[in-house]
């Protein structure tokens, strides 16, 4: 995914914008970690991984996996987000088939 070329728009915000524009069923956020944590799991071995989270909680907790604009766009347009580890073999297929992996961000 590329950016929009506009200042203040990250690639996450661009993905949220495009997902909203096309009426996507879900935004898949493929990343280096297996979901969203309450703190950086590489720095904090006791970091807690969320299996599901609301948009509001993601914004309130200022979780760093995506920027707040991306979370807000998805919330405003009711686009669920799945954050998952793109480096684990088979994960893209698993998430595409609807398996519950990573963290799901929705209205709750």
C-alpha atoms as a PDB file:
ATOM      1  CA  UNK A   1       0.000   0.000   0.000  1.00  0.00           C
ATOM      2  CA  UNK A   2       1.300   3.426  -0.852  1.00  0.00           C
ATOM      3  CA  UNK A   3       0.526   6.767   0.711  1.00  0.00           C
ATOM      4  CA  UNK A   4      -1.699   9.471  -0.742  1.00  0.00           C
ATOM      5  CA  UNK A   5       1.133  11.935  -1.249  1.00  0.00           C
ATOM      6  CA  UNK A   6      -0.540  14.278   1.217  1.00  0.00           C
ATOM      7  CA  UNK A   7       1.203  15.464   4.361  1.00  0.00           C
ATOM      8  CA  UNK A   8      -0.054  13.980   7.651  1.00  0.00           C
ATOM      9  CA  UNK A   9      -1.387  10.843   5.916  1.00  0.00           C
ATOM     10  CA  UNK A  10       0.428   7.671   6.930  1.00  0.00           C
ATOM     11  CA  UNK A  11       0.101   4.448   4.963  1.00  0.00           C
ATOM     12  CA  UNK A  12      -2.280   3.239   7.712  1.00  0.00           C
ATOM     13  CA  UNK A  13      -4.481   6.290   7.218  1.00  0.00           C
ATOM     14  CA  UNK A  14      -4.394   5.744   3.460  1.00  0.00           C
ATOM     15  CA  UNK A  15      -5.435   2.105   3.924  1.00  0.00           C
ATOM     16  CA  UNK A  16      -8.307   3.172   6.204  1.00  0.00           C
ATOM     17  CA  UNK A  17      -9.375   5.832   3.700  1.00  0.00           C
ATOM     18  CA  UNK A  18      -9.365   3.398   0.761  1.00  0.00           C
ATOM     19  CA  UNK A  19     -11.132   0.678   2.780  1.00  0.00           C
ATOM     20  CA  UNK A  20     -13.821   3.210   3.709  1.00  0.00           C
ATOM     21  CA  UNK A  21     -14.168   4.449   0.126  1.00  0.00           C
ATOM     22  CA  UNK A  22     -14.704   0.993  -1.345  1.00  0.00           C
ATOM     23  CA  UNK A  23     -16.902  -0.291   1.488  1.00  0.00           C
ATOM     24  CA  UNK A  24     -14.427  -3.015   2.467  1.00  0.00           C
ATOM     25  CA  UNK A  25     -15.613  -5.706   4.845  1.00  0.00           C
ATOM     26  CA  UNK A  26     -12.341  -5.498   6.801  1.00  0.00           C
ATOM     27  CA  UNK A  27      -8.953  -3.781   6.830  1.00  0.00           C
ATOM     28  CA  UNK A  28      -6.088  -6.263   7.207  1.00  0.00           C
ATOM     29  CA  UNK A  29      -3.080  -4.743   8.979  1.00  0.00           C
ATOM     30  CA  UNK A  30      -0.179  -7.118   8.332  1.00  0.00           C
ATOM     31  CA  UNK A  31       2.710  -6.318  10.651  1.00  0.00           C
ATOM     32  CA  UNK A  32       5.652  -7.732  12.633  1.00  0.00           C
ATOM     33  CA  UNK A  33       3.686  -8.719  15.728  1.00  0.00           C
ATOM     34  CA  UNK A  34       0.844 -11.190  16.250  1.00  0.00           C
ATOM     35  CA  UNK A  35      -1.701  -8.587  17.331  1.00  0.00           C
ATOM     36  CA  UNK A  36      -2.141  -5.460  19.405  1.00  0.00           C
ATOM     37  CA  UNK A  37      -0.490  -5.283  22.824  1.00  0.00           C
ATOM     38  CA  UNK A  38      -0.914  -2.898  25.748  1.00  0.00           C
ATOM     39  CA  UNK A  39       2.817  -2.117  25.475  1.00  0.00           C
ATOM     40  CA  UNK A  40       5.720  -3.067  23.216  1.00  0.00           C
ATOM     41  CA  UNK A  41       6.154  -6.858  23.592  1.00  0.00           C
ATOM     42  CA  UNK A  42       9.787  -6.608  22.480  1.00  0.00           C
ATOM     43  CA  UNK A  43      10.531  -4.284  25.420  1.00  0.00           C
ATOM     44  CA  UNK A  44       8.041  -5.676  27.942  1.00  0.00           C
ATOM     45  CA  UNK A  45       7.872  -9.473  28.262  1.00  0.00           C
ATOM     46  CA  UNK A  46       4.696  -9.063  30.354  1.00  0.00           C
ATOM     47  CA  UNK A  47       2.863  -7.105  27.643  1.00  0.00           C
ATOM     48  CA  UNK A  48      -0.755  -8.217  27.286  1.00  0.00           C
ATOM     49  CA  UNK A  49      -2.087  -9.092  23.820  1.00  0.00           C
ATOM     50  CA  UNK A  50      -5.667  -8.183  23.036  1.00  0.00           C
ATOM     51  CA  UNK A  51      -7.723 -10.679  21.008  1.00  0.00           C
ATOM     52  CA  UNK A  52     -10.473  -8.102  20.495  1.00  0.00           C
ATOM     53  CA  UNK A  53     -10.633  -4.395  21.144  1.00  0.00           C
ATOM     54  CA  UNK A  54     -13.007  -1.528  20.454  1.00  0.00           C
ATOM     55  CA  UNK A  55     -11.982   1.453  18.336  1.00  0.00           C
ATOM     56  CA  UNK A  56     -12.598   3.720  21.326  1.00  0.00           C
ATOM     57  CA  UNK A  57     -10.314   1.651  23.569  1.00  0.00           C
ATOM     58  CA  UNK A  58      -7.589   1.623  20.908  1.00  0.00           C
ATOM     59  CA  UNK A  59      -7.810   5.418  20.717  1.00  0.00           C
ATOM     60  CA  UNK A  60      -8.115   5.936  24.482  1.00  0.00           C
ATOM     61  CA  UNK A  61      -5.122   3.701  25.215  1.00  0.00           C
ATOM     62  CA  UNK A  62      -3.140   5.416  22.431  1.00  0.00           C
ATOM     63  CA  UNK A  63      -1.977   2.052  21.122  1.00  0.00           C
ATOM     64  CA  UNK A  64       0.846   2.530  18.648  1.00  0.00           C
ATOM     65  CA  UNK A  65       0.066  -0.184  16.103  1.00  0.00           C
ATOM     66  CA  UNK A  66      -1.826   2.345  13.942  1.00  0.00           C
ATOM     67  CA  UNK A  67      -2.221   6.090  14.049  1.00  0.00           C
ATOM     68  CA  UNK A  68      -5.326   7.631  15.572  1.00  0.00           C
ATOM     69  CA  UNK A  69      -6.597   8.963  12.244  1.00  0.00           C
ATOM     70  CA  UNK A  70      -6.652   5.444  10.784  1.00  0.00           C
ATOM     71  CA  UNK A  71      -8.503   4.074  13.830  1.00  0.00           C
ATOM     72  CA  UNK A  72     -10.984   6.978  13.644  1.00  0.00           C
ATOM     73  CA  UNK A  73     -11.661   6.562   9.920  1.00  0.00           C
ATOM     74  CA  UNK A  74     -12.370   2.872  10.398  1.00  0.00           C
ATOM     75  CA  UNK A  75     -14.578   3.603  13.410  1.00  0.00           C
ATOM     76  CA  UNK A  76     -16.545   6.314  11.577  1.00  0.00           C
ATOM     77  CA  UNK A  77     -17.096   4.037   8.576  1.00  0.00           C
ATOM     78  CA  UNK A  78     -17.587   0.780  10.499  1.00  0.00           C
ATOM     79  CA  UNK A  79     -14.603  -0.998   8.932  1.00  0.00           C
ATOM     80  CA  UNK A  80     -13.268  -3.704  11.271  1.00  0.00           C
ATOM     81  CA  UNK A  81      -9.476  -4.024  11.525  1.00  0.00           C
ATOM     82  CA  UNK A  82      -7.514  -7.261  11.922  1.00  0.00           C
ATOM     83  CA  UNK A  83      -3.892  -6.836  13.032  1.00  0.00           C
ATOM     84  CA  UNK A  84      -1.810  -9.965  12.439  1.00  0.00           C
ATOM     85  CA  UNK A  85       1.758 -11.229  11.984  1.00  0.00           C
ATOM     86  CA  UNK A  86       2.590 -11.217   8.278  1.00  0.00           C
ATOM     87  CA  UNK A  87       5.809 -13.160   8.822  1.00  0.00           C
ATOM     88  CA  UNK A  88       4.195 -16.322  10.199  1.00  0.00           C
ATOM     89  CA  UNK A  89       3.768 -18.792   7.364  1.00  0.00           C
ATOM     90  CA  UNK A  90       0.142 -19.313   6.402  1.00  0.00           C
ATOM     91  CA  UNK A  91      -1.241 -16.308   8.278  1.00  0.00           C
ATOM     92  CA  UNK A  92      -2.390 -14.406   5.185  1.00  0.00           C
ATOM     93  CA  UNK A  93      -4.377 -17.418   4.033  1.00  0.00           C
ATOM     94  CA  UNK A  94      -5.737 -17.992   7.531  1.00  0.00           C
ATOM     95  CA  UNK A  95      -6.943 -14.402   7.942  1.00  0.00           C
ATOM     96  CA  UNK A  96      -8.403 -14.373   4.409  1.00  0.00           C
ATOM     97  CA  UNK A  97     -10.385 -17.501   5.269  1.00  0.00           C
ATOM     98  CA  UNK A  98     -11.776 -15.773   8.353  1.00  0.00           C
ATOM     99  CA  UNK A  99      -9.811 -17.625  11.021  1.00  0.00           C
ATOM    100  CA  UNK A 100      -9.484 -15.750  14.291  1.00  0.00           C
ATOM    101  CA  UNK A 101      -5.859 -14.690  14.426  1.00  0.00           C
ATOM    102  CA  UNK A 102      -4.249 -11.525  15.701  1.00  0.00           C
ATOM    103  CA  UNK A 103      -6.424  -8.782  17.145  1.00  0.00           C
ATOM    104  CA  UNK A 104      -9.845  -7.705  15.890  1.00  0.00           C
ATOM    105  CA  UNK A 105     -10.785  -4.039  16.319  1.00  0.00           C
ATOM    106  CA  UNK A 106     -14.522  -3.289  16.023  1.00  0.00           C
ATOM    107  CA  UNK A 107     -17.352  -1.440  17.752  1.00  0.00           C
ATOM    108  CA  UNK A 108     -17.491  -4.407  20.210  1.00  0.00           C
END
